[in-house]
N, C-alpha and C. Protein backbone atom coordinates (compact mmCIF):
# COMPACT_ATOMS: atom_id res chain seq x y z
N MET A 1 81.89 44.44 -201.97
CA MET A 1 81.93 45.43 -200.90
C MET A 1 81.19 46.67 -201.31
N LYS A 2 81.30 47.05 -202.50
CA LYS A 2 80.57 48.29 -202.93
C LYS A 2 79.05 48.15 -202.79
N GLN A 3 78.56 46.92 -203.06
CA GLN A 3 77.14 46.73 -202.88
C GLN A 3 76.73 46.86 -201.44
N TRP A 4 77.55 46.33 -200.50
CA TRP A 4 77.25 46.46 -199.08
C TRP A 4 77.33 47.93 -198.62
N ASP A 5 78.33 48.65 -199.08
CA ASP A 5 78.42 50.06 -198.71
C ASP A 5 77.24 50.86 -199.21
N ALA A 6 76.81 50.58 -200.42
CA ALA A 6 75.64 51.24 -200.97
C ALA A 6 74.39 50.91 -200.17
N TYR A 7 74.29 49.65 -199.74
CA TYR A 7 73.15 49.22 -198.95
C TYR A 7 73.09 49.91 -197.60
N THR A 8 74.23 49.94 -196.91
CA THR A 8 74.19 50.59 -195.60
C THR A 8 73.90 52.09 -195.68
N GLN A 9 74.42 52.72 -196.74
CA GLN A 9 74.16 54.16 -196.93
C GLN A 9 72.69 54.38 -197.26
N SER A 10 72.12 53.57 -198.15
CA SER A 10 70.73 53.66 -198.48
C SER A 10 69.80 53.33 -197.31
N ALA A 11 70.23 52.36 -196.49
CA ALA A 11 69.45 52.00 -195.31
C ALA A 11 69.42 53.15 -194.33
N ALA A 12 70.55 53.79 -194.05
CA ALA A 12 70.61 54.96 -193.19
C ALA A 12 69.75 56.05 -193.71
N ASP A 13 69.82 56.35 -195.02
CA ASP A 13 68.97 57.40 -195.61
C ASP A 13 67.52 57.07 -195.46
N THR A 14 67.16 55.83 -195.72
CA THR A 14 65.74 55.40 -195.57
C THR A 14 65.26 55.62 -194.17
N LEU A 15 66.02 55.20 -193.18
CA LEU A 15 65.61 55.37 -191.80
C LEU A 15 65.48 56.85 -191.38
N PHE A 16 66.46 57.64 -191.86
CA PHE A 16 66.39 59.08 -191.52
C PHE A 16 65.14 59.75 -192.21
N LYS A 17 64.87 59.36 -193.45
CA LYS A 17 63.68 59.84 -194.12
C LYS A 17 62.38 59.47 -193.41
N LEU A 18 62.34 58.22 -192.96
CA LEU A 18 61.16 57.75 -192.21
C LEU A 18 61.01 58.57 -190.93
N GLN A 19 62.12 58.80 -190.22
CA GLN A 19 62.07 59.55 -188.95
C GLN A 19 61.55 60.95 -189.22
N ARG A 20 61.88 61.54 -190.34
CA ARG A 20 61.45 62.89 -190.69
C ARG A 20 60.09 62.93 -191.39
N ASN A 21 59.42 61.77 -191.48
CA ASN A 21 58.14 61.60 -192.13
C ASN A 21 58.18 61.99 -193.61
N GLU A 22 59.37 61.81 -194.28
CA GLU A 22 59.46 62.05 -195.69
C GLU A 22 59.00 60.84 -196.51
N ILE A 23 58.99 59.68 -195.90
CA ILE A 23 58.48 58.46 -196.52
C ILE A 23 57.56 57.75 -195.54
N SER A 24 56.79 56.84 -196.01
CA SER A 24 55.86 56.09 -195.17
C SER A 24 56.59 54.86 -194.59
N MET A 25 55.98 54.29 -193.58
CA MET A 25 56.50 53.06 -192.97
C MET A 25 56.51 51.96 -194.03
N ALA A 26 55.45 51.93 -194.88
CA ALA A 26 55.37 50.92 -195.93
C ALA A 26 56.52 51.04 -196.90
N GLU A 27 56.90 52.27 -197.23
CA GLU A 27 58.04 52.48 -198.16
C GLU A 27 59.33 51.97 -197.53
N ALA A 28 59.50 52.24 -196.25
CA ALA A 28 60.69 51.80 -195.51
C ALA A 28 60.73 50.25 -195.49
N TYR A 29 59.62 49.65 -195.18
CA TYR A 29 59.53 48.19 -195.15
C TYR A 29 59.92 47.65 -196.55
N ARG A 30 59.35 48.27 -197.60
CA ARG A 30 59.63 47.78 -198.97
C ARG A 30 61.10 47.85 -199.28
N PHE A 31 61.77 48.95 -198.88
CA PHE A 31 63.22 49.02 -199.14
C PHE A 31 63.95 47.82 -198.50
N PHE A 32 63.70 47.59 -197.22
CA PHE A 32 64.42 46.50 -196.55
C PHE A 32 64.02 45.14 -197.05
N GLU A 33 62.77 44.92 -197.38
CA GLU A 33 62.35 43.65 -197.95
C GLU A 33 62.97 43.42 -199.33
N ASP A 34 62.96 44.47 -200.15
CA ASP A 34 63.52 44.34 -201.48
C ASP A 34 65.02 44.10 -201.49
N ASN A 35 65.69 44.55 -200.43
CA ASN A 35 67.13 44.41 -200.34
C ASN A 35 67.55 43.29 -199.35
N SER A 36 66.59 42.43 -199.00
CA SER A 36 66.87 41.37 -198.02
C SER A 36 67.98 40.45 -198.46
N VAL A 37 68.14 40.27 -199.80
CA VAL A 37 69.17 39.38 -200.25
C VAL A 37 70.59 39.89 -199.94
N VAL A 38 70.72 41.21 -199.84
CA VAL A 38 72.00 41.78 -199.48
C VAL A 38 72.32 41.51 -198.04
N LEU A 39 71.37 41.62 -197.15
CA LEU A 39 71.55 41.32 -195.77
C LEU A 39 71.70 39.83 -195.54
N ALA A 40 70.86 39.05 -196.21
CA ALA A 40 70.96 37.57 -196.23
C ALA A 40 70.88 36.95 -194.80
N ASP A 41 70.03 37.52 -193.96
CA ASP A 41 69.81 36.93 -192.65
C ASP A 41 68.41 37.30 -192.20
N GLY A 42 67.57 36.28 -192.16
CA GLY A 42 66.17 36.50 -191.85
C GLY A 42 65.90 37.13 -190.47
N GLU A 43 66.65 36.66 -189.48
CA GLU A 43 66.49 37.19 -188.09
C GLU A 43 66.85 38.66 -188.05
N ALA A 44 67.94 39.01 -188.74
CA ALA A 44 68.41 40.39 -188.75
C ALA A 44 67.39 41.28 -189.46
N LEU A 45 66.82 40.78 -190.56
CA LEU A 45 65.85 41.55 -191.27
C LEU A 45 64.60 41.76 -190.40
N THR A 46 64.17 40.76 -189.70
CA THR A 46 63.02 40.85 -188.78
C THR A 46 63.32 41.90 -187.75
N SER A 47 64.51 41.94 -187.23
CA SER A 47 64.87 42.96 -186.23
C SER A 47 64.75 44.38 -186.81
N ILE A 48 65.19 44.57 -188.05
CA ILE A 48 65.08 45.92 -188.66
C ILE A 48 63.59 46.26 -188.83
N LEU A 49 62.82 45.33 -189.34
CA LEU A 49 61.42 45.63 -189.54
C LEU A 49 60.68 45.87 -188.24
N ASN A 50 61.09 45.23 -187.20
CA ASN A 50 60.50 45.49 -185.83
C ASN A 50 60.87 46.88 -185.38
N ALA A 51 62.12 47.28 -185.65
CA ALA A 51 62.52 48.68 -185.23
C ALA A 51 61.68 49.73 -185.98
N ILE A 52 61.43 49.46 -187.27
CA ILE A 52 60.71 50.40 -188.04
C ILE A 52 59.25 50.48 -187.53
N SER A 53 58.64 49.36 -187.24
CA SER A 53 57.28 49.31 -186.78
C SER A 53 57.11 49.93 -185.38
N GLU A 54 58.20 50.00 -184.64
CA GLU A 54 58.13 50.49 -183.25
C GLU A 54 58.81 51.80 -183.11
N ILE A 55 58.90 52.58 -184.20
CA ILE A 55 59.61 53.88 -184.19
C ILE A 55 59.07 54.80 -183.10
N ASP A 56 57.75 54.83 -182.90
CA ASP A 56 57.17 55.69 -181.90
C ASP A 56 57.34 55.13 -180.49
N GLY A 57 57.33 53.85 -180.35
CA GLY A 57 57.43 53.24 -179.06
C GLY A 57 58.85 53.07 -178.58
N PHE A 58 59.82 52.97 -179.49
CA PHE A 58 61.19 52.76 -179.14
C PHE A 58 62.11 53.72 -179.87
N PRO A 59 61.96 55.03 -179.70
CA PRO A 59 62.76 55.98 -180.49
C PRO A 59 64.27 55.81 -180.26
N ARG A 60 64.70 55.43 -179.07
CA ARG A 60 66.14 55.29 -178.87
C ARG A 60 66.74 54.14 -179.68
N TRP A 61 66.04 52.99 -179.68
CA TRP A 61 66.48 51.84 -180.42
C TRP A 61 66.47 52.19 -181.94
N TYR A 62 65.48 52.88 -182.37
CA TYR A 62 65.39 53.28 -183.77
C TYR A 62 66.56 54.23 -184.16
N SER A 63 66.83 55.19 -183.27
CA SER A 63 67.94 56.14 -183.50
C SER A 63 69.25 55.40 -183.51
N GLU A 64 69.44 54.42 -182.61
CA GLU A 64 70.67 53.68 -182.62
C GLU A 64 70.84 52.91 -183.90
N LEU A 65 69.75 52.34 -184.41
CA LEU A 65 69.83 51.61 -185.69
C LEU A 65 70.21 52.53 -186.83
N SER A 66 69.58 53.69 -186.90
CA SER A 66 69.92 54.64 -187.92
C SER A 66 71.37 55.07 -187.90
N GLU A 67 71.89 55.34 -186.69
CA GLU A 67 73.28 55.76 -186.53
C GLU A 67 74.21 54.62 -186.88
N PHE A 68 73.81 53.39 -186.52
CA PHE A 68 74.67 52.24 -186.79
C PHE A 68 74.82 52.01 -188.32
N PHE A 69 73.72 52.11 -189.03
CA PHE A 69 73.74 52.02 -190.50
C PHE A 69 74.62 53.13 -191.09
N ALA A 70 74.49 54.35 -190.55
CA ALA A 70 75.28 55.47 -191.04
C ALA A 70 76.79 55.27 -190.83
N SER A 71 77.19 54.47 -189.88
CA SER A 71 78.58 54.21 -189.64
C SER A 71 79.13 53.19 -190.62
N GLN A 72 78.29 52.66 -191.50
CA GLN A 72 78.64 51.69 -192.50
C GLN A 72 79.37 50.49 -191.93
N PRO A 73 78.70 49.75 -191.03
CA PRO A 73 79.30 48.57 -190.43
C PRO A 73 79.49 47.45 -191.43
N THR A 74 80.31 46.46 -191.12
CA THR A 74 80.40 45.30 -191.91
C THR A 74 79.08 44.53 -191.77
N ARG A 75 78.83 43.59 -192.72
CA ARG A 75 77.63 42.79 -192.61
C ARG A 75 77.60 42.00 -191.33
N ASP A 76 78.73 41.34 -191.03
CA ASP A 76 78.79 40.52 -189.82
C ASP A 76 78.57 41.37 -188.57
N ALA A 77 79.11 42.55 -188.51
CA ALA A 77 78.94 43.43 -187.36
C ALA A 77 77.44 43.86 -187.22
N LEU A 78 76.85 44.16 -188.36
CA LEU A 78 75.42 44.55 -188.38
C LEU A 78 74.53 43.42 -187.90
N VAL A 79 74.75 42.23 -188.42
CA VAL A 79 73.93 41.05 -188.05
C VAL A 79 74.07 40.77 -186.56
N ALA A 80 75.31 40.77 -186.06
CA ALA A 80 75.58 40.50 -184.64
C ALA A 80 74.91 41.60 -183.76
N TRP A 81 75.01 42.81 -184.17
CA TRP A 81 74.40 43.90 -183.37
C TRP A 81 72.83 43.74 -183.37
N LEU A 82 72.26 43.45 -184.54
CA LEU A 82 70.80 43.30 -184.55
C LEU A 82 70.33 42.10 -183.74
N LYS A 83 71.06 41.03 -183.77
CA LYS A 83 70.66 39.86 -183.02
C LYS A 83 70.82 40.12 -181.52
N ALA A 84 71.85 40.85 -181.13
CA ALA A 84 72.02 41.21 -179.75
C ALA A 84 70.87 42.08 -179.26
N LYS A 85 70.42 43.01 -180.12
CA LYS A 85 69.32 43.86 -179.76
C LYS A 85 68.03 43.05 -179.56
N VAL A 86 67.80 42.07 -180.46
CA VAL A 86 66.60 41.27 -180.34
C VAL A 86 66.65 40.46 -179.05
N SER A 87 67.77 39.85 -178.76
CA SER A 87 67.82 39.03 -177.53
C SER A 87 67.75 39.88 -176.26
N SER A 88 68.33 41.08 -176.29
CA SER A 88 68.26 41.92 -175.05
C SER A 88 66.85 42.47 -174.88
N ARG A 89 66.14 42.77 -175.97
CA ARG A 89 64.76 43.29 -175.84
C ARG A 89 63.84 42.20 -175.42
N SER A 90 64.02 40.97 -175.95
CA SER A 90 63.10 39.89 -175.56
C SER A 90 63.35 39.46 -174.12
N THR A 91 64.57 39.60 -173.64
CA THR A 91 64.90 39.34 -172.22
C THR A 91 64.25 40.37 -171.33
N SER A 92 64.33 41.64 -171.73
CA SER A 92 63.71 42.69 -170.89
C SER A 92 62.18 42.59 -170.90
N ARG A 93 61.58 42.13 -172.00
CA ARG A 93 60.14 41.94 -172.04
C ARG A 93 59.66 40.87 -171.14
N HIS A 94 60.46 39.79 -171.01
CA HIS A 94 60.12 38.69 -170.13
C HIS A 94 60.23 39.07 -168.67
N ARG A 95 61.05 40.03 -168.33
CA ARG A 95 61.20 40.50 -166.98
C ARG A 95 60.02 41.36 -166.55
N ALA A 96 59.35 41.99 -167.49
CA ALA A 96 58.26 42.90 -167.17
C ALA A 96 57.02 42.22 -166.58
């Protein structure tokens, strides 16, 4: 549990630093890729990386992700939330 708590706190810090341009997008990617074993879900990791790459285009989604990490969710809650975001965004893209 301590490893997960440390991961969520570091993830929130990483996203807030990226938002304030204190680190590069590449550094944020590297953090999440290096810690992918903690998340242990490829689809969820892809969702995070998509949010990072779309920070300018989807600031609300990015802010929600930052805030969700800051709330230190359980792994299952985080994965479910990320997968719901992916499915809702892909559904809205198909409607456009």
